[in-house]
Amino acid sequence: MTVLVTGATGTVGTEVVRALRERGAAVRAMSRTPESAGMPAGVEVVRGDLTDLASLRAALDGVEAAHLITFDAPRGAGGGEAVADGTGVVAALTDAGVRRVTVLQNGYPGPVEEAVADAPFEATVLMPVEFMANALDWADAVREHGRVDEPYVDRLSAMVHEADIGDVAAVALLEDGHGGPLVITGPEVLTLRDKLDAIGEAVGRRVDLVALSEDEAIERWRAEGLDDEAIGFRQWIYGDPPEVGYTVATTVPDVTGRPGRTFAQWAREHAAAFGG
């Protein structure tokens, strides 16, 4: 079967492509810049995005399943713009005869999630917690200074390996019976200190943790170009995180039949980025 993957060059999209290929599916990757998509051999790449319904309809020719993102056009440091026409997206999928859809939720539910709730196909909304890949934000500091400066140092996270998100998505796209919302976490709850210890073990040296005050953190985020909305989100997600973000869910083993990947494994895989 042929599966359309939107957001195919993103952190999760690349893993969805990998997981589908490993399971023998034909993959069509949709990108605004197909000439620089860098997809593996055997992956068909087409031009388009979810804010251009004509390009979506063209990309859906012969497709039986599709992976959707909910934020598409970039708008700077604050994140991406939500795909506004969820009804139009669902109509295009329905007209093409798509049987299964996964939707990568980015924060709060939006128009796409609302539209697929009443769609005639099986829809699985993927709700991952913090990505392990977010730790790459520390790579320069670890390489250059051997320490990380962070606020809210007591915060907890059941962060998830992006490859596990890809594997769950692939199973939901290729098999019936996985419709509905799926919270996706890693197999353990970690502190910042736990994460830095894992990185230190991977690179062979200790990584120190320096606590920032909230004011110091806000000053740094502004210097990085974050707007007030993005800063407010970080204050909330770090200072008063929702329980779902630090509660281990069994989705990965339930759907894939194997344990979730640990942060220690992720750190070993990315040791070179931290100077290992």
Protein backbone atom coordinates (compact mmCIF):
# COMPACT_ATOMS: atom_id res chain seq x y z
CA MET A 1 0.00 0.00 0.00
CA THR A 2 1.03 3.61 -0.52
CA VAL A 3 1.17 5.97 2.47
CA LEU A 4 1.41 9.75 2.19
CA VAL A 5 3.60 11.36 4.85
CA THR A 6 3.25 15.12 5.36
CA GLY A 7 5.90 16.89 7.41
CA ALA A 8 8.19 14.16 6.13
CA THR A 9 11.43 16.09 6.78
CA GLY A 10 10.59 16.90 10.41
CA THR A 11 11.81 15.23 13.59
CA VAL A 12 8.86 12.84 13.66
CA GLY A 13 8.15 12.71 9.94
CA THR A 14 11.54 11.23 9.11
CA GLU A 15 10.88 8.48 11.67
CA VAL A 16 7.44 7.77 10.23
CA VAL A 17 9.05 7.37 6.80
CA ARG A 18 11.69 5.03 8.25
CA ALA A 19 9.18 2.91 10.15
CA LEU A 20 6.88 2.55 7.15
CA ARG A 21 9.76 1.54 4.88
CA GLU A 22 10.93 -1.04 7.42
CA ARG A 23 7.44 -2.54 7.30
CA GLY A 24 7.41 -2.74 3.52
CA ALA A 25 5.06 0.15 2.71
CA ALA A 26 5.47 2.40 -0.30
CA VAL A 27 5.99 5.96 0.95
CA ARG A 28 5.13 9.23 -0.75
CA ALA A 29 6.66 12.19 1.10
CA MET A 30 5.11 15.64 0.67
CA SER A 31 7.40 18.65 1.01
CA ARG A 32 7.32 22.34 0.11
CA THR A 33 10.91 21.91 -1.13
CA PRO A 34 11.20 18.40 -2.58
CA GLU A 35 14.57 19.19 -4.15
CA SER A 36 16.13 19.41 -0.67
CA ALA A 37 13.99 16.85 1.18
CA GLY A 38 16.81 14.30 1.41
CA MET A 39 14.52 11.27 1.52
CA PRO A 40 15.93 7.71 1.43
CA ALA A 41 16.14 5.86 -1.85
CA GLY A 42 12.80 4.42 -2.88
CA VAL A 43 10.72 7.19 -1.29
CA GLU A 44 8.66 9.21 -3.77
CA VAL A 45 8.80 12.95 -3.03
CA VAL A 46 6.10 15.37 -4.20
CA ARG A 47 5.69 19.10 -3.81
CA GLY A 48 2.89 20.42 -1.59
CA ASP A 49 1.67 21.34 1.85
CA LEU A 50 -1.53 21.10 3.86
CA THR A 51 -2.40 24.76 3.40
CA ASP A 52 -2.63 24.17 -0.36
CA LEU A 53 -5.55 21.75 -0.83
CA ALA A 54 -4.93 21.39 -4.56
CA SER A 55 -1.42 20.08 -3.87
CA LEU A 56 -2.80 17.74 -1.19
CA ARG A 57 -5.41 16.31 -3.55
CA ALA A 58 -2.74 15.68 -6.20
CA ALA A 59 -0.48 13.98 -3.65
CA LEU A 60 -3.30 11.67 -2.53
CA ASP A 61 -3.70 9.93 -5.90
CA GLY A 62 -3.50 6.18 -5.19
CA VAL A 63 -2.89 6.68 -1.46
CA GLU A 64 -4.56 4.39 1.11
CA ALA A 65 -3.26 5.96 4.34
CA ALA A 66 -1.84 9.34 5.36
CA HIS A 67 0.15 10.86 8.20
CA LEU A 68 -0.78 14.47 8.91
CA ILE A 69 0.83 17.28 10.83
CA THR A 70 -1.29 20.04 12.35
CA PHE A 71 1.20 22.93 12.03
CA ASP A 72 2.62 23.69 8.64
CA ALA A 73 3.79 27.09 7.40
CA PRO A 74 6.71 28.34 9.56
CA ARG A 75 6.37 31.65 11.39
CA GLY A 76 9.70 32.11 13.15
CA ALA A 77 10.83 31.32 16.67
CA GLY A 78 7.30 31.03 18.04
CA GLY A 79 6.52 27.88 16.05
CA GLY A 80 4.40 27.13 13.01
CA GLU A 81 0.98 28.23 11.83
CA ALA A 82 -1.89 25.84 12.46
CA VAL A 83 -3.46 24.20 9.44
CA ALA A 84 -6.75 26.11 9.51
CA ASP A 85 -8.93 24.24 7.01
CA GLY A 86 -9.32 20.90 8.76
CA THR A 87 -12.64 20.29 7.01
CA GLY A 88 -11.02 20.78 3.61
CA VAL A 89 -8.20 18.40 4.50
CA VAL A 90 -10.65 15.71 5.60
CA ALA A 91 -12.74 16.20 2.46
CA ALA A 92 -9.65 15.67 0.30
CA LEU A 93 -8.74 12.50 2.20
CA THR A 94 -12.31 11.19 1.99
CA ASP A 95 -12.62 11.89 -1.74
CA ALA A 96 -9.34 10.04 -2.33
CA GLY A 97 -10.64 6.94 -0.52
CA VAL A 98 -8.04 7.06 2.26
CA ARG A 99 -8.74 4.34 4.84
CA ARG A 100 -6.49 5.27 7.77
CA VAL A 101 -4.98 8.52 9.03
CA THR A 102 -2.61 9.47 11.81
CA VAL A 103 -2.50 13.05 13.08
CA LEU A 104 0.52 14.35 15.00
CA GLN A 105 -0.96 16.72 17.57
CA ASN A 106 1.24 19.72 18.33
CA GLY A 107 0.11 21.15 21.67
CA TYR A 108 -3.58 21.89 21.78
CA PRO A 109 -6.22 20.26 19.52
CA GLY A 110 -6.92 22.33 16.44
CA PRO A 111 -9.01 22.29 13.25
CA VAL A 112 -7.49 19.08 11.86
CA GLU A 113 -8.11 17.09 15.06
CA GLU A 114 -11.65 18.42 15.23
CA ALA A 115 -12.35 17.49 11.62
CA VAL A 116 -10.98 13.93 11.77
CA ALA A 117 -13.13 13.16 14.83
CA ASP A 118 -16.15 12.86 12.51
CA ALA A 119 -14.34 11.52 9.45
CA PRO A 120 -15.45 8.32 7.68
CA PHE A 121 -11.97 6.79 7.90
CA GLU A 122 -10.07 5.44 10.92
CA ALA A 123 -8.16 8.31 12.51
CA THR A 124 -5.50 8.04 15.20
CA VAL A 125 -4.44 11.24 16.95
CA LEU A 126 -0.87 10.86 18.18
CA MET A 127 -0.23 12.83 21.38
CA PRO A 128 3.47 12.51 22.23
CA VAL A 129 4.94 14.21 25.28
CA GLU A 130 8.35 15.92 25.24
CA PHE A 131 10.63 14.65 22.46
CA MET A 132 14.03 13.29 23.48
CA ALA A 133 15.35 15.24 20.49
CA ASN A 134 14.69 18.44 22.44
CA ALA A 135 17.83 17.63 24.42
CA LEU A 136 19.84 18.58 21.33
CA ASP A 137 19.24 22.17 22.43
CA TRP A 138 21.94 21.46 25.03
CA ALA A 139 24.52 20.15 22.55
CA ASP A 140 26.56 23.35 22.15
CA ALA A 141 26.62 24.02 25.90
CA VAL A 142 27.72 20.48 26.71
CA ARG A 143 30.45 20.49 24.05
CA GLU A 144 31.79 23.94 24.85
CA HIS A 145 31.26 24.30 28.60
CA GLY A 146 30.45 20.87 30.03
CA ARG A 147 27.36 22.28 31.70
CA VAL A 148 23.72 23.18 31.05
CA ASP A 149 21.96 26.25 32.47
CA GLU A 150 18.23 25.66 32.95
CA PRO A 151 15.28 26.99 34.98
CA TYR A 152 12.78 24.81 36.85
CA VAL A 153 15.44 22.17 37.51
CA ASP A 154 13.04 19.93 39.46
CA ARG A 155 10.70 19.38 36.53
CA LEU A 156 9.89 15.83 35.48
CA SER A 157 9.36 14.32 32.04
CA ALA A 158 8.44 10.93 30.57
CA MET A 159 10.05 12.10 27.33
CA VAL A 160 9.68 9.91 24.26
CA HIS A 161 12.15 8.78 21.62
CA GLU A 162 11.03 10.14 18.26
CA ALA A 163 11.61 6.73 16.68
CA ASP A 164 8.94 5.28 18.98
CA ILE A 165 6.47 7.88 17.71
CA GLY A 166 7.33 6.83 14.17
CA ASP A 167 6.83 3.16 14.99
CA VAL A 168 3.44 3.76 16.62
CA ALA A 169 2.34 5.85 13.65
CA ALA A 170 3.43 3.19 11.16
CA VAL A 171 1.48 0.45 12.91
CA ALA A 172 -1.63 2.64 13.10
CA LEU A 173 -1.32 3.46 9.40
CA LEU A 174 -0.84 -0.13 8.26
CA GLU A 175 -3.18 -2.01 10.61
CA ASP A 176 -6.81 -1.59 11.60
CA GLY A 177 -7.89 -1.17 15.20
CA HIS A 178 -5.77 1.74 16.47
CA GLY A 179 -8.19 4.63 16.00
CA GLY A 180 -8.65 7.30 18.64
CA PRO A 181 -6.21 9.36 20.72
CA LEU A 182 -2.90 7.78 21.75
CA VAL A 183 -0.68 9.39 24.38
CA ILE A 184 2.91 8.38 23.62
CA THR A 185 5.63 8.53 26.29
CA GLY A 186 8.96 6.98 27.03
CA PRO A 187 9.33 4.09 29.49
CA GLU A 188 10.57 6.14 32.47
CA VAL A 189 10.16 9.44 34.32
CA LEU A 190 13.30 11.57 34.30
CA THR A 191 14.62 14.65 36.05
CA LEU A 192 16.99 17.09 34.36
CA ARG A 193 19.79 15.57 36.38
CA ASP A 194 18.85 12.09 35.09
CA LYS A 195 19.02 13.32 31.51
CA LEU A 196 22.39 15.00 31.94
CA ASP A 197 23.77 11.92 33.67
CA ALA A 198 22.74 9.84 30.67
CA ILE A 199 24.40 12.30 28.30
CA GLY A 200 27.51 12.32 30.49
CA GLU A 201 27.65 8.55 30.41
CA ALA A 202 27.34 8.59 26.63
CA VAL A 203 30.17 11.12 26.15
CA GLY A 204 32.40 9.88 28.96
CA ARG A 205 32.42 12.94 31.20
CA ARG A 206 30.19 14.62 33.75
CA VAL A 207 27.78 17.33 32.63
CA ASP A 208 26.99 19.95 35.29
CA LEU A 209 23.59 21.54 35.84
CA VAL A 210 23.30 25.23 36.77
CA ALA A 211 19.91 26.48 37.96
CA LEU A 212 18.57 29.69 36.36
CA SER A 213 15.99 31.94 37.97
CA GLU A 214 12.77 32.51 36.06
CA ASP A 215 13.85 36.08 35.23
CA GLU A 216 17.18 34.84 33.88
CA ALA A 217 15.37 32.25 31.77
CA ILE A 218 12.96 34.83 30.32
CA GLU A 219 15.86 37.11 29.42
CA ARG A 220 17.59 34.27 27.61
CA TRP A 221 14.44 33.23 25.74
CA ARG A 222 13.86 36.77 24.56
CA ALA A 223 17.44 36.92 23.31
CA GLU A 224 16.74 33.72 21.37
CA GLY A 225 13.85 35.44 19.62
CA LEU A 226 10.89 33.87 21.37
CA ASP A 227 7.72 35.98 21.52
CA ASP A 228 5.53 36.46 24.60
CA GLU A 229 3.25 33.56 23.66
CA ALA A 230 6.14 31.14 23.29
CA ILE A 231 7.73 32.33 26.55
CA GLY A 232 4.43 31.96 28.39
CA PHE A 233 4.10 28.43 27.07
CA ARG A 234 7.57 27.53 28.35
CA GLN A 235 6.83 29.03 31.74
CA TRP A 236 3.73 26.85 31.97
CA ILE A 237 5.14 23.62 30.53
CA TYR A 238 8.31 23.83 32.66
CA GLY A 239 6.94 25.45 35.81
CA ASP A 240 3.62 23.63 36.11
CA PRO A 241 3.72 20.74 33.64
CA PRO A 242 0.53 18.73 33.07
CA GLU A 243 0.52 15.33 34.72
CA VAL A 244 0.32 13.59 31.36
CA GLY A 245 3.84 14.84 30.59
CA TYR A 246 5.41 12.92 33.46
CA THR A 247 3.18 9.83 33.61
CA VAL A 248 4.37 6.76 31.72
CA ALA A 249 1.82 5.44 29.21
CA THR A 250 1.92 1.90 27.81
CA THR A 251 1.13 2.93 24.23
CA VAL A 252 4.50 2.00 22.73
CA PRO A 253 4.57 -1.60 24.02
CA ASP A 254 0.83 -2.02 23.49
CA VAL A 255 0.97 -0.96 19.83
CA THR A 256 4.44 -2.11 18.74
CA GLY A 257 4.86 -5.18 20.97
CA ARG A 258 8.22 -4.07 22.39
CA PRO A 259 9.43 -1.73 25.16
CA GLY A 260 9.94 1.94 24.47
CA ARG A 261 13.45 3.21 23.84
CA THR A 262 15.18 4.80 26.85
CA PHE A 263 16.82 8.20 27.04
CA ALA A 264 20.15 6.48 27.73
CA GLN A 265 19.80 4.76 24.34
CA TRP A 266 18.93 8.07 22.68
CA ALA A 267 21.97 9.72 24.30
CA ARG A 268 24.30 6.99 22.99
CA GLU A 269 22.83 7.40 19.50
CA HIS A 270 23.47 11.16 19.58
CA ALA A 271 26.72 11.22 21.57
CA ALA A 272 28.62 12.86 18.71
CA ALA A 273 26.38 15.93 18.90
CA PHE A 274 27.48 16.43 22.52
CA GLY A 275 31.16 15.95 21.78
CA GLY A 276 31.35 12.23 22.43
